[in-house]
Every structure is written in C-alpha cells, then in structure tokens.
PDB file of N, CA and C in Angstrom:
ATOM      1  N   UNK A   1      -6.093  -0.912   5.921  1.00  0.00           N
ATOM      2  CA  UNK A   1      -6.499  -2.179   5.345  1.00  0.00           C
ATOM      3  C   UNK A   1      -6.777  -3.155   6.476  1.00  0.00           C
ATOM      4  N   UNK A   2      -7.853  -3.862   6.331  1.00  0.00           N
ATOM      5  CA  UNK A   2      -8.211  -4.883   7.316  1.00  0.00           C
ATOM      6  C   UNK A   2      -7.283  -6.086   7.168  1.00  0.00           C
ATOM      7  N   UNK A   3      -7.061  -6.772   8.278  1.00  0.00           N
ATOM      8  CA  UNK A   3      -6.245  -7.989   8.228  1.00  0.00           C
ATOM      9  C   UNK A   3      -6.986  -9.092   7.504  1.00  0.00           C
ATOM     10  N   UNK A   4      -6.227  -9.903   6.815  1.00  0.00           N
ATOM     11  CA  UNK A   4      -6.788 -11.037   6.100  1.00  0.00           C
ATOM     12  C   UNK A   4      -7.349 -12.057   7.088  1.00  0.00           C
ATOM     13  N   UNK A   5      -8.450 -12.664   6.743  1.00  0.00           N
ATOM     14  CA  UNK A   5      -9.026 -13.738   7.548  1.00  0.00           C
ATOM     15  C   UNK A   5      -8.749 -15.039   6.790  1.00  0.00           C
ATOM     16  N   UNK A   6      -7.870 -15.837   7.343  1.00  0.00           N
ATOM     17  CA  UNK A   6      -7.373 -17.017   6.639  1.00  0.00           C
ATOM     18  C   UNK A   6      -8.478 -17.962   6.191  1.00  0.00           C
ATOM     19  N   UNK A   7      -9.534 -18.091   6.965  1.00  0.00           N
ATOM     20  CA  UNK A   7     -10.592 -19.029   6.602  1.00  0.00           C
ATOM     21  C   UNK A   7     -11.548 -18.474   5.555  1.00  0.00           C
ATOM     22  N   UNK A   8     -11.451 -17.174   5.224  1.00  0.00           N
ATOM     23  CA  UNK A   8     -12.370 -16.570   4.261  1.00  0.00           C
ATOM     24  C   UNK A   8     -11.688 -15.942   3.055  1.00  0.00           C
ATOM     25  N   UNK A   9     -10.438 -15.572   3.181  1.00  0.00           N
ATOM     26  CA  UNK A   9      -9.813 -14.724   2.171  1.00  0.00           C
ATOM     27  C   UNK A   9      -8.708 -15.402   1.368  1.00  0.00           C
ATOM     28  N   UNK A  10      -8.677 -16.714   1.381  1.00  0.00           N
ATOM     29  CA  UNK A  10      -7.733 -17.456   0.548  1.00  0.00           C
ATOM     30  C   UNK A  10      -8.550 -18.434  -0.276  1.00  0.00           C
ATOM     31  N   UNK A  11      -8.389 -18.371  -1.596  1.00  0.00           N
ATOM     32  CA  UNK A  11      -9.152 -19.284  -2.432  1.00  0.00           C
ATOM     33  C   UNK A  11      -8.380 -19.629  -3.690  1.00  0.00           C
ATOM     34  N   UNK A  12      -8.784 -20.712  -4.306  1.00  0.00           N
ATOM     35  CA  UNK A  12      -8.112 -21.178  -5.515  1.00  0.00           C
ATOM     36  C   UNK A  12      -8.496 -20.312  -6.711  1.00  0.00           C
ATOM     37  N   UNK A  13      -7.655 -20.344  -7.711  1.00  0.00           N
ATOM     38  CA  UNK A  13      -7.915 -19.604  -8.933  1.00  0.00           C
ATOM     39  C   UNK A  13      -9.212 -20.086  -9.582  1.00  0.00           C
ATOM     40  N   UNK A  14      -9.443 -21.373  -9.578  1.00  0.00           N
ATOM     41  CA  UNK A  14     -10.671 -21.888 -10.202  1.00  0.00           C
ATOM     42  C   UNK A  14     -11.912 -21.402  -9.450  1.00  0.00           C
ATOM     43  N   UNK A  15     -11.850 -21.358  -8.126  1.00  0.00           N
ATOM     44  CA  UNK A  15     -12.986 -20.845  -7.340  1.00  0.00           C
ATOM     45  C   UNK A  15     -13.191 -19.357  -7.621  1.00  0.00           C
ATOM     46  N   UNK A  16     -12.087 -18.619  -7.714  1.00  0.00           N
ATOM     47  CA  UNK A  16     -12.176 -17.194  -8.018  1.00  0.00           C
ATOM     48  C   UNK A  16     -12.830 -16.976  -9.382  1.00  0.00           C
ATOM     49  N   UNK A  17     -12.408 -17.751 -10.386  1.00  0.00           N
ATOM     50  CA  UNK A  17     -12.979 -17.624 -11.734  1.00  0.00           C
ATOM     51  C   UNK A  17     -14.492 -17.829 -11.747  1.00  0.00           C
ATOM     52  N   UNK A  18     -14.958 -18.767 -10.951  1.00  0.00           N
ATOM     53  CA  UNK A  18     -16.387 -19.095 -10.931  1.00  0.00           C
ATOM     54  C   UNK A  18     -17.247 -17.952 -10.380  1.00  0.00           C
ATOM     55  N   UNK A  19     -16.663 -17.150  -9.489  1.00  0.00           N
ATOM     56  CA  UNK A  19     -17.457 -16.123  -8.793  1.00  0.00           C
ATOM     57  C   UNK A  19     -16.724 -14.782  -8.742  1.00  0.00           C
ATOM     58  N   UNK A  20     -16.137 -14.385  -9.844  1.00  0.00           N
ATOM     59  CA  UNK A  20     -15.318 -13.169  -9.874  1.00  0.00           C
ATOM     60  C   UNK A  20     -16.073 -11.956  -9.332  1.00  0.00           C
ATOM     61  N   UNK A  21     -17.256 -11.709  -9.839  1.00  0.00           N
ATOM     62  CA  UNK A  21     -18.011 -10.516  -9.420  1.00  0.00           C
ATOM     63  C   UNK A  21     -18.279 -10.509  -7.924  1.00  0.00           C
ATOM     64  N   UNK A  22     -18.659 -11.651  -7.392  1.00  0.00           N
ATOM     65  CA  UNK A  22     -18.956 -11.733  -5.961  1.00  0.00           C
ATOM     66  C   UNK A  22     -17.706 -11.464  -5.124  1.00  0.00           C
ATOM     67  N   UNK A  23     -16.562 -11.985  -5.559  1.00  0.00           N
ATOM     68  CA  UNK A  23     -15.329 -11.771  -4.786  1.00  0.00           C
ATOM     69  C   UNK A  23     -14.853 -10.328  -4.885  1.00  0.00           C
ATOM     70  N   UNK A  24     -15.027  -9.708  -6.038  1.00  0.00           N
ATOM     71  CA  UNK A  24     -14.652  -8.298  -6.168  1.00  0.00           C
ATOM     72  C   UNK A  24     -15.534  -7.440  -5.263  1.00  0.00           C
ATOM     73  N   UNK A  25     -16.809  -7.737  -5.216  1.00  0.00           N
ATOM     74  CA  UNK A  25     -17.716  -7.017  -4.315  1.00  0.00           C
ATOM     75  C   UNK A  25     -17.319  -7.233  -2.851  1.00  0.00           C
ATOM     76  N   UNK A  26     -16.952  -8.453  -2.512  1.00  0.00           N
ATOM     77  CA  UNK A  26     -16.525  -8.769  -1.137  1.00  0.00           C
ATOM     78  C   UNK A  26     -15.287  -7.965  -0.759  1.00  0.00           C
ATOM     79  N   UNK A  27     -14.324  -7.892  -1.660  1.00  0.00           N
ATOM     80  CA  UNK A  27     -13.100  -7.127  -1.400  1.00  0.00           C
ATOM     81  C   UNK A  27     -13.439  -5.654  -1.165  1.00  0.00           C
ATOM     82  N   UNK A  28     -14.335  -5.148  -1.988  1.00  0.00           N
ATOM     83  CA  UNK A  28     -14.736  -3.745  -1.857  1.00  0.00           C
ATOM     84  C   UNK A  28     -15.447  -3.490  -0.529  1.00  0.00           C
ATOM     85  N   UNK A  29     -16.316  -4.408  -0.114  1.00  0.00           N
ATOM     86  CA  UNK A  29     -17.081  -4.245   1.132  1.00  0.00           C
ATOM     87  C   UNK A  29     -16.214  -4.415   2.372  1.00  0.00           C
ATOM     88  N   UNK A  30     -15.410  -5.478   2.400  1.00  0.00           N
ATOM     89  CA  UNK A  30     -14.658  -5.808   3.613  1.00  0.00           C
ATOM     90  C   UNK A  30     -13.358  -5.033   3.752  1.00  0.00           C
ATOM     91  N   UNK A  31     -12.849  -4.523   2.626  1.00  0.00           N
ATOM     92  CA  UNK A  31     -11.539  -3.840   2.595  1.00  0.00           C
ATOM     93  C   UNK A  31     -10.397  -4.791   2.946  1.00  0.00           C
ATOM     94  N   UNK A  32     -10.655  -6.097   2.858  1.00  0.00           N
ATOM     95  CA  UNK A  32      -9.613  -7.089   3.116  1.00  0.00           C
ATOM     96  C   UNK A  32      -9.072  -7.605   1.789  1.00  0.00           C
ATOM     97  N   UNK A  33      -7.778  -7.910   1.736  1.00  0.00           N
ATOM     98  CA  UNK A  33      -7.217  -8.483   0.517  1.00  0.00           C
ATOM     99  C   UNK A  33      -7.689  -9.926   0.329  1.00  0.00           C
ATOM    100  N   UNK A  34      -7.574 -10.396  -0.880  1.00  0.00           N
ATOM    101  CA  UNK A  34      -7.947 -11.759  -1.222  1.00  0.00           C
ATOM    102  C   UNK A  34      -6.715 -12.437  -1.809  1.00  0.00           C
ATOM    103  N   UNK A  35      -6.313 -13.555  -1.238  1.00  0.00           N
ATOM    104  CA  UNK A  35      -5.163 -14.310  -1.733  1.00  0.00           C
ATOM    105  C   UNK A  35      -5.682 -15.391  -2.672  1.00  0.00           C
ATOM    106  N   UNK A  36      -5.130 -15.414  -3.869  1.00  0.00           N
ATOM    107  CA  UNK A  36      -5.526 -16.405  -4.865  1.00  0.00           C
ATOM    108  C   UNK A  36      -4.394 -17.415  -5.007  1.00  0.00           C
ATOM    109  N   UNK A  37      -4.767 -18.683  -4.906  1.00  0.00           N
ATOM    110  CA  UNK A  37      -3.772 -19.740  -4.995  1.00  0.00           C
ATOM    111  C   UNK A  37      -3.890 -20.474  -6.329  1.00  0.00           C
ATOM    112  N   UNK A  38      -2.791 -21.095  -6.699  1.00  0.00           N
ATOM    113  CA  UNK A  38      -2.767 -21.946  -7.890  1.00  0.00           C
ATOM    114  C   UNK A  38      -1.902 -23.148  -7.535  1.00  0.00           C
ATOM    115  N   UNK A  39      -2.478 -24.310  -7.681  1.00  0.00           N
ATOM    116  CA  UNK A  39      -1.814 -25.559  -7.311  1.00  0.00           C
ATOM    117  C   UNK A  39      -1.341 -25.525  -5.854  1.00  0.00           C
ATOM    118  N   UNK A  40      -2.185 -24.956  -5.004  1.00  0.00           N
ATOM    119  CA  UNK A  40      -1.931 -24.941  -3.574  1.00  0.00           C
ATOM    120  C   UNK A  40      -0.944 -23.907  -3.080  1.00  0.00           C
ATOM    121  N   UNK A  41      -0.454 -23.039  -3.958  1.00  0.00           N
ATOM    122  CA  UNK A  41       0.521 -22.017  -3.553  1.00  0.00           C
ATOM    123  C   UNK A  41      -0.028 -20.635  -3.863  1.00  0.00           C
ATOM    124  N   UNK A  42       0.247 -19.687  -2.966  1.00  0.00           N
ATOM    125  CA  UNK A  42      -0.187 -18.318  -3.181  1.00  0.00           C
ATOM    126  C   UNK A  42       0.433 -17.748  -4.447  1.00  0.00           C
ATOM    127  N   UNK A  43      -0.390 -17.171  -5.322  1.00  0.00           N
ATOM    128  CA  UNK A  43       0.110 -16.628  -6.588  1.00  0.00           C
ATOM    129  C   UNK A  43      -0.192 -15.146  -6.772  1.00  0.00           C
ATOM    130  N   UNK A  44      -1.265 -14.652  -6.130  1.00  0.00           N
ATOM    131  CA  UNK A  44      -1.636 -13.250  -6.325  1.00  0.00           C
ATOM    132  C   UNK A  44      -2.438 -12.757  -5.126  1.00  0.00           C
ATOM    133  N   UNK A  45      -2.437 -11.442  -4.962  1.00  0.00           N
ATOM    134  CA  UNK A  45      -3.251 -10.795  -3.937  1.00  0.00           C
ATOM    135  C   UNK A  45      -4.083  -9.733  -4.637  1.00  0.00           C
ATOM    136  N   UNK A  46      -5.371  -9.748  -4.382  1.00  0.00           N
ATOM    137  CA  UNK A  46      -6.289  -8.789  -4.977  1.00  0.00           C
ATOM    138  C   UNK A  46      -6.738  -7.823  -3.884  1.00  0.00           C
ATOM    139  N   UNK A  47      -6.597  -6.508  -4.175  1.00  0.00           N
ATOM    140  CA  UNK A  47      -6.937  -5.468  -3.202  1.00  0.00           C
ATOM    141  C   UNK A  47      -7.973  -4.515  -3.778  1.00  0.00           C
ATOM    142  N   UNK A  48      -8.769  -3.929  -2.907  1.00  0.00           N
ATOM    143  CA  UNK A  48      -9.641  -2.835  -3.271  1.00  0.00           C
ATOM    144  C   UNK A  48      -8.754  -1.659  -3.705  1.00  0.00           C
ATOM    145  N   UNK A  49      -9.172  -0.910  -4.701  1.00  0.00           N
ATOM    146  CA  UNK A  49      -8.359   0.181  -5.237  1.00  0.00           C
ATOM    147  C   UNK A  49      -8.010   1.211  -4.162  1.00  0.00           C
ATOM    148  N   UNK A  50      -8.983   1.617  -3.372  1.00  0.00           N
ATOM    149  CA  UNK A  50      -8.722   2.616  -2.324  1.00  0.00           C
ATOM    150  C   UNK A  50      -7.728   2.084  -1.294  1.00  0.00           C
ATOM    151  N   UNK A  51      -7.828   0.806  -0.969  1.00  0.00           N
ATOM    152  CA  UNK A  51      -6.892   0.204  -0.019  1.00  0.00           C
ATOM    153  C   UNK A  51      -5.484   0.146  -0.611  1.00  0.00           C
ATOM    154  N   UNK A  52      -5.402  -0.156  -1.894  1.00  0.00           N
ATOM    155  CA  UNK A  52      -4.099  -0.185  -2.574  1.00  0.00           C
ATOM    156  C   UNK A  52      -3.464   1.207  -2.555  1.00  0.00           C
ATOM    157  N   UNK A  53      -4.256   2.230  -2.890  1.00  0.00           N
ATOM    158  CA  UNK A  53      -3.732   3.595  -2.893  1.00  0.00           C
ATOM    159  C   UNK A  53      -3.263   4.017  -1.502  1.00  0.00           C
ATOM    160  N   UNK A  54      -4.020   3.662  -0.470  1.00  0.00           N
ATOM    161  CA  UNK A  54      -3.622   3.992   0.903  1.00  0.00           C
ATOM    162  C   UNK A  54      -2.332   3.281   1.281  1.00  0.00           C
ATOM    163  N   UNK A  55      -2.196   2.046   0.849  1.00  0.00           N
ATOM    164  CA  UNK A  55      -0.984   1.273   1.125  1.00  0.00           C
ATOM    165  C   UNK A  55       0.231   1.912   0.462  1.00  0.00           C
ATOM    166  N   UNK A  56       0.084   2.339  -0.780  1.00  0.00           N
ATOM    167  CA  UNK A  56       1.183   2.997  -1.496  1.00  0.00           C
ATOM    168  C   UNK A  56       1.552   4.310  -0.816  1.00  0.00           C
ATOM    169  N   UNK A  57       0.556   5.090  -0.389  1.00  0.00           N
ATOM    170  CA  UNK A  57       0.839   6.347   0.308  1.00  0.00           C
ATOM    171  C   UNK A  57       1.635   6.099   1.583  1.00  0.00           C
ATOM    172  N   UNK A  58       1.258   5.073   2.335  1.00  0.00           N
ATOM    173  CA  UNK A  58       1.984   4.738   3.562  1.00  0.00           C
ATOM    174  C   UNK A  58       3.411   4.324   3.258  1.00  0.00           C
ATOM    175  N   UNK A  59       3.585   3.539   2.219  1.00  0.00           N
ATOM    176  CA  UNK A  59       4.919   3.099   1.834  1.00  0.00           C
ATOM    177  C   UNK A  59       5.788   4.287   1.429  1.00  0.00           C
ATOM    178  N   UNK A  60       5.213   5.208   0.650  1.00  0.00           N
ATOM    179  CA  UNK A  60       5.965   6.398   0.251  1.00  0.00           C
ATOM    180  C   UNK A  60       6.358   7.239   1.459  1.00  0.00           C
ATOM    181  N   UNK A  61       5.458   7.377   2.424  1.00  0.00           N
ATOM    182  CA  UNK A  61       5.762   8.136   3.627  1.00  0.00           C
ATOM    183  C   UNK A  61       6.890   7.467   4.417  1.00  0.00           C
ATOM    184  N   UNK A  62       6.815   6.154   4.556  1.00  0.00           N
ATOM    185  CA  UNK A  62       7.875   5.435   5.267  1.00  0.00           C
ATOM    186  C   UNK A  62       9.214   5.587   4.562  1.00  0.00           C
ATOM    187  N   UNK A  63       9.204   5.562   3.231  1.00  0.00           N
ATOM    188  CA  UNK A  63      10.444   5.764   2.478  1.00  0.00           C
ATOM    189  C   UNK A  63      10.991   7.171   2.705  1.00  0.00           C
ATOM    190  N   UNK A  64      10.106   8.162   2.740  1.00  0.00           N
ATOM    191  CA  UNK A  64      10.542   9.535   3.000  1.00  0.00           C
ATOM    192  C   UNK A  64      11.151   9.658   4.392  1.00  0.00           C
ATOM    193  N   UNK A  65      10.536   9.026   5.372  1.00  0.00           N
ATOM    194  CA  UNK A  65      11.066   9.056   6.740  1.00  0.00           C
ATOM    195  C   UNK A  65      12.439   8.393   6.787  1.00  0.00           C
ATOM    196  N   UNK A  66      12.558   7.256   6.134  1.00  0.00           N
ATOM    197  CA  UNK A  66      13.841   6.548   6.101  1.00  0.00           C
ATOM    198  C   UNK A  66      14.921   7.404   5.437  1.00  0.00           C
ATOM    199  N   UNK A  67      14.576   8.070   4.342  1.00  0.00           N
ATOM    200  CA  UNK A  67      15.533   8.949   3.667  1.00  0.00           C
ATOM    201  C   UNK A  67      15.943  10.091   4.589  1.00  0.00           C
ATOM    202  N   UNK A  68      14.963  10.682   5.277  1.00  0.00           N
ATOM    203  CA  UNK A  68      15.263  11.776   6.203  1.00  0.00           C
ATOM    204  C   UNK A  68      16.177  11.331   7.338  1.00  0.00           C
ATOM    205  N   UNK A  69      15.910  10.149   7.891  1.00  0.00           N
ATOM    206  CA  UNK A  69      16.768   9.644   8.969  1.00  0.00           C
ATOM    207  C   UNK A  69      18.189   9.411   8.479  1.00  0.00           C
ATOM    208  N   UNK A  70      18.327   8.897   7.256  1.00  0.00           N
ATOM    209  CA  UNK A  70      19.653   8.672   6.699  1.00  0.00           C
ATOM    210  C   UNK A  70      20.380  10.001   6.490  1.00  0.00           C
ATOM    211  N   UNK A  71      19.659  11.013   6.007  1.00  0.00           N
ATOM    212  CA  UNK A  71      20.268  12.318   5.799  1.00  0.00           C
ATOM    213  C   UNK A  71      20.711  12.940   7.117  1.00  0.00           C
ATOM    214  N   UNK A  72      19.937  12.747   8.185  1.00  0.00           N
ATOM    215  CA  UNK A  72      20.329  13.261   9.502  1.00  0.00           C
ATOM    216  C   UNK A  72      21.596  12.560   9.976  1.00  0.00           C
ATOM    217  N   UNK A  73      21.658  11.229   9.822  1.00  0.00           N
ATOM    218  CA  UNK A  73      22.868  10.486  10.235  1.00  0.00           C
ATOM    219  C   UNK A  73      24.098  10.930   9.460  1.00  0.00           C
ATOM    220  N   UNK A  74      23.902  11.331   8.211  1.00  0.00           N
ATOM    221  CA  UNK A  74      25.018  11.780   7.364  1.00  0.00           C
ATOM    222  C   UNK A  74      25.268  13.286   7.492  1.00  0.00           C
ATOM    223  N   UNK A  75      24.576  13.916   8.430  1.00  0.00           N
ATOM    224  CA  UNK A  75      24.699  15.362   8.674  1.00  0.00           C
ATOM    225  C   UNK A  75      24.361  16.175   7.426  1.00  0.00           C
ATOM    226  N   UNK A  76      23.429  15.687   6.622  1.00  0.00           N
ATOM    227  CA  UNK A  76      22.970  16.412   5.439  1.00  0.00           C
ATOM    228  C   UNK A  76      21.646  17.094   5.791  1.00  0.00           C
ATOM    229  N   UNK A  77      21.752  18.102   6.664  1.00  0.00           N
ATOM    230  CA  UNK A  77      20.553  18.783   7.151  1.00  0.00           C
ATOM    231  C   UNK A  77      20.591  20.259   6.780  1.00  0.00           C
ATOM    232  N   UNK A  78      19.435  20.891   6.905  1.00  0.00           N
ATOM    233  CA  UNK A  78      19.298  22.322   6.648  1.00  0.00           C
ATOM    234  C   UNK A  78      18.736  22.992   7.888  1.00  0.00           C
ATOM    235  N   UNK A  79      19.002  24.270   8.006  1.00  0.00           N
ATOM    236  CA  UNK A  79      18.358  25.034   9.075  1.00  0.00           C
ATOM    237  C   UNK A  79      16.880  25.159   8.734  1.00  0.00           C
ATOM    238  N   UNK A  80      16.089  25.496   9.746  1.00  0.00           N
ATOM    239  CA  UNK A  80      14.662  25.677   9.533  1.00  0.00           C
ATOM    240  C   UNK A  80      14.402  26.735   8.467  1.00  0.00           C
ATOM    241  N   UNK A  81      15.125  27.836   8.561  1.00  0.00           N
ATOM    242  CA  UNK A  81      14.923  28.942   7.617  1.00  0.00           C
ATOM    243  C   UNK A  81      15.263  28.524   6.189  1.00  0.00           C
ATOM    244  N   UNK A  82      16.351  27.784   5.998  1.00  0.00           N
ATOM    245  CA  UNK A  82      16.738  27.342   4.652  1.00  0.00           C
ATOM    246  C   UNK A  82      15.719  26.351   4.099  1.00  0.00           C
ATOM    247  N   UNK A  83      15.253  25.442   4.925  1.00  0.00           N
ATOM    248  CA  UNK A  83      14.239  24.473   4.485  1.00  0.00           C
ATOM    249  C   UNK A  83      12.957  25.192   4.086  1.00  0.00           C
ATOM    250  N   UNK A  84      12.538  26.155   4.902  1.00  0.00           N
ATOM    251  CA  UNK A  84      11.325  26.923   4.620  1.00  0.00           C
ATOM    252  C   UNK A  84      11.471  27.666   3.296  1.00  0.00           C
ATOM    253  N   UNK A  85      12.621  28.261   3.080  1.00  0.00           N
ATOM    254  CA  UNK A  85      12.890  28.993   1.846  1.00  0.00           C
ATOM    255  C   UNK A  85      12.780  28.067   0.633  1.00  0.00           C
ATOM    256  N   UNK A  86      13.369  26.883   0.712  1.00  0.00           N
ATOM    257  CA  UNK A  86      13.322  25.937  -0.405  1.00  0.00           C
ATOM    258  C   UNK A  86      11.903  25.461  -0.685  1.00  0.00           C
ATOM    259  N   UNK A  87      11.147  25.189   0.356  1.00  0.00           N
ATOM    260  CA  UNK A  87       9.757  24.744   0.173  1.00  0.00           C
ATOM    261  C   UNK A  87       8.937  25.842  -0.489  1.00  0.00           C
ATOM    262  N   UNK A  88       9.071  27.064  -0.012  1.00  0.00           N
ATOM    263  CA  UNK A  88       8.314  28.171  -0.593  1.00  0.00           C
ATOM    264  C   UNK A  88       8.700  28.414  -2.052  1.00  0.00           C
ATOM    265  N   UNK A  89       9.966  28.231  -2.385  1.00  0.00           N
ATOM    266  CA  UNK A  89      10.394  28.374  -3.786  1.00  0.00           C
ATOM    267  C   UNK A  89       9.742  27.294  -4.663  1.00  0.00           C
ATOM    268  N   UNK A  90       9.666  26.092  -4.165  1.00  0.00           N
ATOM    269  CA  UNK A  90       9.055  25.003  -4.950  1.00  0.00           C
ATOM    270  C   UNK A  90       7.554  25.224  -5.127  1.00  0.00           C
ATOM    271  N   UNK A  91       6.907  25.736  -4.105  1.00  0.00           N
ATOM    272  CA  UNK A  91       5.468  25.972  -4.172  1.00  0.00           C
ATOM    273  C   UNK A  91       5.135  27.070  -5.165  1.00  0.00           C
ATOM    274  N   UNK A  92       5.956  28.078  -5.215  1.00  0.00           N
ATOM    275  CA  UNK A  92       5.664  29.228  -6.081  1.00  0.00           C
ATOM    276  C   UNK A  92       5.926  28.945  -7.550  1.00  0.00           C
ATOM    277  N   UNK A  93       6.543  27.835  -7.891  1.00  0.00           N
ATOM    278  CA  UNK A  93       6.826  27.517  -9.306  1.00  0.00           C
ATOM    279  C   UNK A  93       5.627  26.979 -10.002  1.00  0.00           C
TER     280      UNK A  93
END
C-alpha cells in the first residue's frame, strides 16, 4: 500500500459525497487510502479492495510469526520430522 499523501488523501464527508465515483477511481489508481473526516475529525478510511486484502494477509502472517515466537519461548516446539508429518497429514485430508 502506498503511503497517504496528507495534502491529497484527506477530505470531508461532504466533499466525498459530491465526487464519490472520482474518489473511488483515485483510490483504485493510486493504491493509497483515503481518510474521510466529519466535523474536522477522521472518521473512516477507504481502501482499494486489493490493498485491503494484502494488508489483511500481512497482518495474518505477522500474527502467525508472533504465535510461533511465543511457542518457541514456551518450549512448545516440534522436531522437523514431526512437523513435516503433521503438515502432510493435514494436506492429505
């Protein structure tokens, strides 16, 4: 996901309403999120669908890494052979 550009990607709800189609196209083209404000405060972020899916995948991967690190600290590990066996059993189901 591209970084937000503060001078281009923050707008009021009323401005967004006036040009919804154009802003959705902009989000799709630039791959940058759009921050929508209401009464001067950030209220929502609009993302391109592909960018949202990529963000969720990254978050899930980070959560998996964090879980793995915690399991290693707690000595809840498996040998390579046991892990391989479990993975192959899950795949064959």
